[in-house]
Each structure stands twice: as C-alpha cells, then as structure tokens.
C-alpha atoms as a PDB file:
ATOM      1  CA  UNK A   1       2.249  51.444 -83.418  1.00  0.00           C
ATOM      2  CA  UNK A   2       0.628  54.827 -82.807  1.00  0.00           C
ATOM      3  CA  UNK A   3       3.022  57.763 -82.672  1.00  0.00           C
ATOM      4  CA  UNK A   4       2.367  61.508 -82.436  1.00  0.00           C
ATOM      5  CA  UNK A   5       4.904  64.326 -82.132  1.00  0.00           C
ATOM      6  CA  UNK A   6       5.108  68.009 -81.381  1.00  0.00           C
ATOM      7  CA  UNK A   7       7.942  70.492 -81.252  1.00  0.00           C
ATOM      8  CA  UNK A   8       7.760  73.245 -78.668  1.00  0.00           C
ATOM      9  CA  UNK A   9      10.003  76.199 -77.918  1.00  0.00           C
ATOM     10  CA  UNK A  10       9.576  77.784 -74.493  1.00  0.00           C
ATOM     11  CA  UNK A  11      11.221  80.493 -72.428  1.00  0.00           C
ATOM     12  CA  UNK A  12      11.777  79.355 -68.881  1.00  0.00           C
ATOM     13  CA  UNK A  13      13.988  79.630 -65.859  1.00  0.00           C
ATOM     14  CA  UNK A  14      16.426  76.729 -66.216  1.00  0.00           C
ATOM     15  CA  UNK A  15      16.740  76.171 -62.477  1.00  0.00           C
ATOM     16  CA  UNK A  16      13.048  75.153 -62.237  1.00  0.00           C
ATOM     17  CA  UNK A  17      12.638  73.717 -65.721  1.00  0.00           C
ATOM     18  CA  UNK A  18      13.159  70.000 -64.969  1.00  0.00           C
ATOM     19  CA  UNK A  19      10.804  70.100 -61.986  1.00  0.00           C
ATOM     20  CA  UNK A  20       8.169  71.872 -64.123  1.00  0.00           C
ATOM     21  CA  UNK A  21       8.481  69.274 -66.880  1.00  0.00           C
ATOM     22  CA  UNK A  22       8.128  66.386 -64.407  1.00  0.00           C
ATOM     23  CA  UNK A  23       5.048  68.008 -62.857  1.00  0.00           C
ATOM     24  CA  UNK A  24       3.531  68.518 -66.299  1.00  0.00           C
ATOM     25  CA  UNK A  25       4.000  64.820 -67.135  1.00  0.00           C
ATOM     26  CA  UNK A  26       2.551  63.761 -63.757  1.00  0.00           C
ATOM     27  CA  UNK A  27      -0.493  65.931 -64.418  1.00  0.00           C
ATOM     28  CA  UNK A  28      -1.052  63.802 -67.540  1.00  0.00           C
ATOM     29  CA  UNK A  29      -1.070  60.571 -65.476  1.00  0.00           C
ATOM     30  CA  UNK A  30       2.521  59.653 -66.410  1.00  0.00           C
ATOM     31  CA  UNK A  31       5.470  58.757 -64.172  1.00  0.00           C
ATOM     32  CA  UNK A  32       9.010  59.673 -65.162  1.00  0.00           C
ATOM     33  CA  UNK A  33      10.978  56.441 -65.622  1.00  0.00           C
ATOM     34  CA  UNK A  34      14.188  57.867 -67.117  1.00  0.00           C
ATOM     35  CA  UNK A  35      15.765  61.281 -66.695  1.00  0.00           C
ATOM     36  CA  UNK A  36      18.991  62.392 -68.367  1.00  0.00           C
ATOM     37  CA  UNK A  37      20.337  65.858 -69.063  1.00  0.00           C
ATOM     38  CA  UNK A  38      18.862  66.053 -72.563  1.00  0.00           C
ATOM     39  CA  UNK A  39      16.190  63.337 -72.499  1.00  0.00           C
ATOM     40  CA  UNK A  40      13.243  62.352 -70.325  1.00  0.00           C
ATOM     41  CA  UNK A  41      10.892  59.374 -70.606  1.00  0.00           C
ATOM     42  CA  UNK A  42       7.558  59.002 -68.826  1.00  0.00           C
ATOM     43  CA  UNK A  43       5.148  56.083 -68.877  1.00  0.00           C
ATOM     44  CA  UNK A  44       1.391  56.200 -68.366  1.00  0.00           C
ATOM     45  CA  UNK A  45       0.352  54.808 -64.984  1.00  0.00           C
ATOM     46  CA  UNK A  46      -1.070  51.272 -65.465  1.00  0.00           C
ATOM     47  CA  UNK A  47      -4.628  50.421 -64.548  1.00  0.00           C
ATOM     48  CA  UNK A  48      -6.780  52.485 -66.864  1.00  0.00           C
ATOM     49  CA  UNK A  49      -6.241  50.687 -70.172  1.00  0.00           C
ATOM     50  CA  UNK A  50      -4.818  47.442 -71.556  1.00  0.00           C
ATOM     51  CA  UNK A  51      -1.027  47.105 -71.367  1.00  0.00           C
ATOM     52  CA  UNK A  52      -0.561  47.530 -75.145  1.00  0.00           C
ATOM     53  CA  UNK A  53      -2.386  50.842 -74.991  1.00  0.00           C
ATOM     54  CA  UNK A  54      -0.191  52.325 -72.240  1.00  0.00           C
ATOM     55  CA  UNK A  55       1.472  55.443 -73.586  1.00  0.00           C
ATOM     56  CA  UNK A  56       5.136  56.367 -73.391  1.00  0.00           C
ATOM     57  CA  UNK A  57       6.096  60.041 -73.601  1.00  0.00           C
ATOM     58  CA  UNK A  58       9.641  60.798 -74.736  1.00  0.00           C
ATOM     59  CA  UNK A  59      10.952  64.342 -74.433  1.00  0.00           C
ATOM     60  CA  UNK A  60      14.129  65.405 -76.205  1.00  0.00           C
ATOM     61  CA  UNK A  61      15.446  68.527 -74.496  1.00  0.00           C
ATOM     62  CA  UNK A  62      17.605  71.000 -76.398  1.00  0.00           C
ATOM     63  CA  UNK A  63      18.687  73.755 -74.044  1.00  0.00           C
ATOM     64  CA  UNK A  64      21.372  76.429 -74.365  1.00  0.00           C
ATOM     65  CA  UNK A  65      24.904  75.138 -73.992  1.00  0.00           C
ATOM     66  CA  UNK A  66      27.260  76.171 -71.200  1.00  0.00           C
ATOM     67  CA  UNK A  67      26.148  79.787 -71.105  1.00  0.00           C
ATOM     68  CA  UNK A  68      25.683  81.696 -67.858  1.00  0.00           C
ATOM     69  CA  UNK A  69      22.277  81.085 -66.325  1.00  0.00           C
ATOM     70  CA  UNK A  70      19.834  83.783 -67.413  1.00  0.00           C
ATOM     71  CA  UNK A  71      16.399  84.469 -65.998  1.00  0.00           C
ATOM     72  CA  UNK A  72      14.587  83.092 -69.028  1.00  0.00           C
ATOM     73  CA  UNK A  73      16.318  80.834 -71.520  1.00  0.00           C
ATOM     74  CA  UNK A  74      14.858  79.335 -74.676  1.00  0.00           C
ATOM     75  CA  UNK A  75      14.474  75.578 -74.526  1.00  0.00           C
ATOM     76  CA  UNK A  76      13.325  73.409 -77.426  1.00  0.00           C
ATOM     77  CA  UNK A  77      11.320  70.321 -76.503  1.00  0.00           C
ATOM     78  CA  UNK A  78      10.465  67.528 -78.898  1.00  0.00           C
ATOM     79  CA  UNK A  79       7.607  65.418 -77.512  1.00  0.00           C
ATOM     80  CA  UNK A  80       6.942  61.927 -78.882  1.00  0.00           C
ATOM     81  CA  UNK A  81       3.821  60.198 -77.562  1.00  0.00           C
ATOM     82  CA  UNK A  82       3.555  56.554 -78.596  1.00  0.00           C
ATOM     83  CA  UNK A  83       2.198  53.141 -77.729  1.00  0.00           C
ATOM     84  CA  UNK A  84       1.841  49.651 -79.218  1.00  0.00           C
ATOM     85  CA  UNK A  85      -1.758  50.238 -80.314  1.00  0.00           C
ATOM     86  CA  UNK A  86      -2.437  50.195 -84.039  1.00  0.00           C
ATOM     87  CA  UNK A  87      -4.014  53.551 -84.938  1.00  0.00           C
ATOM     88  CA  UNK A  88      -6.964  52.043 -86.770  1.00  0.00           C
ATOM     89  CA  UNK A  89      -9.255  54.827 -85.582  1.00  0.00           C
ATOM     90  CA  UNK A  90      -8.537  58.528 -85.606  1.00  0.00           C
ATOM     91  CA  UNK A  91      -9.650  58.928 -81.983  1.00  0.00           C
ATOM     92  CA  UNK A  92      -7.538  56.217 -80.338  1.00  0.00           C
ATOM     93  CA  UNK A  93      -6.108  56.160 -76.806  1.00  0.00           C
ATOM     94  CA  UNK A  94      -2.673  57.351 -77.921  1.00  0.00           C
ATOM     95  CA  UNK A  95      -4.223  60.320 -79.741  1.00  0.00           C
ATOM     96  CA  UNK A  96      -6.260  61.249 -76.665  1.00  0.00           C
ATOM     97  CA  UNK A  97      -3.125  61.101 -74.471  1.00  0.00           C
ATOM     98  CA  UNK A  98      -1.200  63.153 -77.054  1.00  0.00           C
ATOM     99  CA  UNK A  99      -3.978  65.746 -76.981  1.00  0.00           C
ATOM    100  CA  UNK A 100      -3.819  65.812 -73.173  1.00  0.00           C
ATOM    101  CA  UNK A 101      -0.027  66.298 -73.150  1.00  0.00           C
ATOM    102  CA  UNK A 102      -0.256  68.862 -75.935  1.00  0.00           C
ATOM    103  CA  UNK A 103      -2.876  70.844 -74.035  1.00  0.00           C
ATOM    104  CA  UNK A 104      -0.863  70.685 -70.810  1.00  0.00           C
ATOM    105  CA  UNK A 105       2.246  71.932 -72.620  1.00  0.00           C
ATOM    106  CA  UNK A 106       0.467  74.887 -74.201  1.00  0.00           C
ATOM    107  CA  UNK A 107      -1.573  75.897 -71.136  1.00  0.00           C
ATOM    108  CA  UNK A 108       0.995  75.569 -68.338  1.00  0.00           C
ATOM    109  CA  UNK A 109       2.031  78.696 -66.462  1.00  0.00           C
ATOM    110  CA  UNK A 110       5.466  77.236 -65.689  1.00  0.00           C
ATOM    111  CA  UNK A 111       6.940  78.673 -68.887  1.00  0.00           C
ATOM    112  CA  UNK A 112       6.229  81.093 -71.704  1.00  0.00           C
ATOM    113  CA  UNK A 113       5.300  79.325 -74.960  1.00  0.00           C
ATOM    114  CA  UNK A 114       7.247  80.781 -77.894  1.00  0.00           C
ATOM    115  CA  UNK A 115       6.547  78.256 -80.644  1.00  0.00           C
ATOM    116  CA  UNK A 116       4.412  75.136 -81.040  1.00  0.00           C
ATOM    117  CA  UNK A 117       4.308  72.747 -83.987  1.00  0.00           C
ATOM    118  CA  UNK A 118       2.239  69.566 -83.788  1.00  0.00           C
ATOM    119  CA  UNK A 119       2.808  66.849 -86.340  1.00  0.00           C
END
C-alpha cells in the first residue's frame, strides 16, 4: 500500500477554511466523501486509473479550541495520501497524486502557509 504524508500549518480565516479545503481537494480531482469537525476524507474520481490505484486523501484538522473567532487563526493539517497500489516504483500514481495535492496546498491563495513538512 502506497502512503505519503505531509504536515502543514496555515493561517486562515476559519469561517472560509472548510470551503477552501474542499475546493483544494476538488482541484486535485478528488470528491469529499466524509466531513467531520476535525477530519475530512476525499476520494479520487474514478475513471482515470484502475480501482486499486484510486487515491484516498485523509486530512486531520487541528484548529484552535473554543477561542473567539479571529481574522487569521493557525490551523495544522496532516495530509495522508494513500492507495492500494504497491509502491514498486518511485514515480507511482499515488506519488504523483501526493505531489499534486502537496503543490496545491503550498500554492493556494486561500491561506497563508506558515510551515510545511513532507514525509
């Protein structure tokens, strides 16, 4: 199973944050299939690759607790991009999708990137 992760800290307006995250995932050809307060899951739209290669993107959201809403709050996001494909090659489909998500996260204008660690 291929699995790639990155940890991101962003400053963003919390009232638009969830919409921005959903739009970012859609721009990477993924549909949100589960959305909770601190967790979001998106699945790659079928049709482009074999079923086993379809990527799932999990996002663990760590935002400030019950504080008054400020203009820009720090939010930590832990992205996990994975699929059922064995990563026998360095440049596999899961890696390419991870790179696409990673690039979208770092280049979006929806928030201000404070920290980025890919692993």
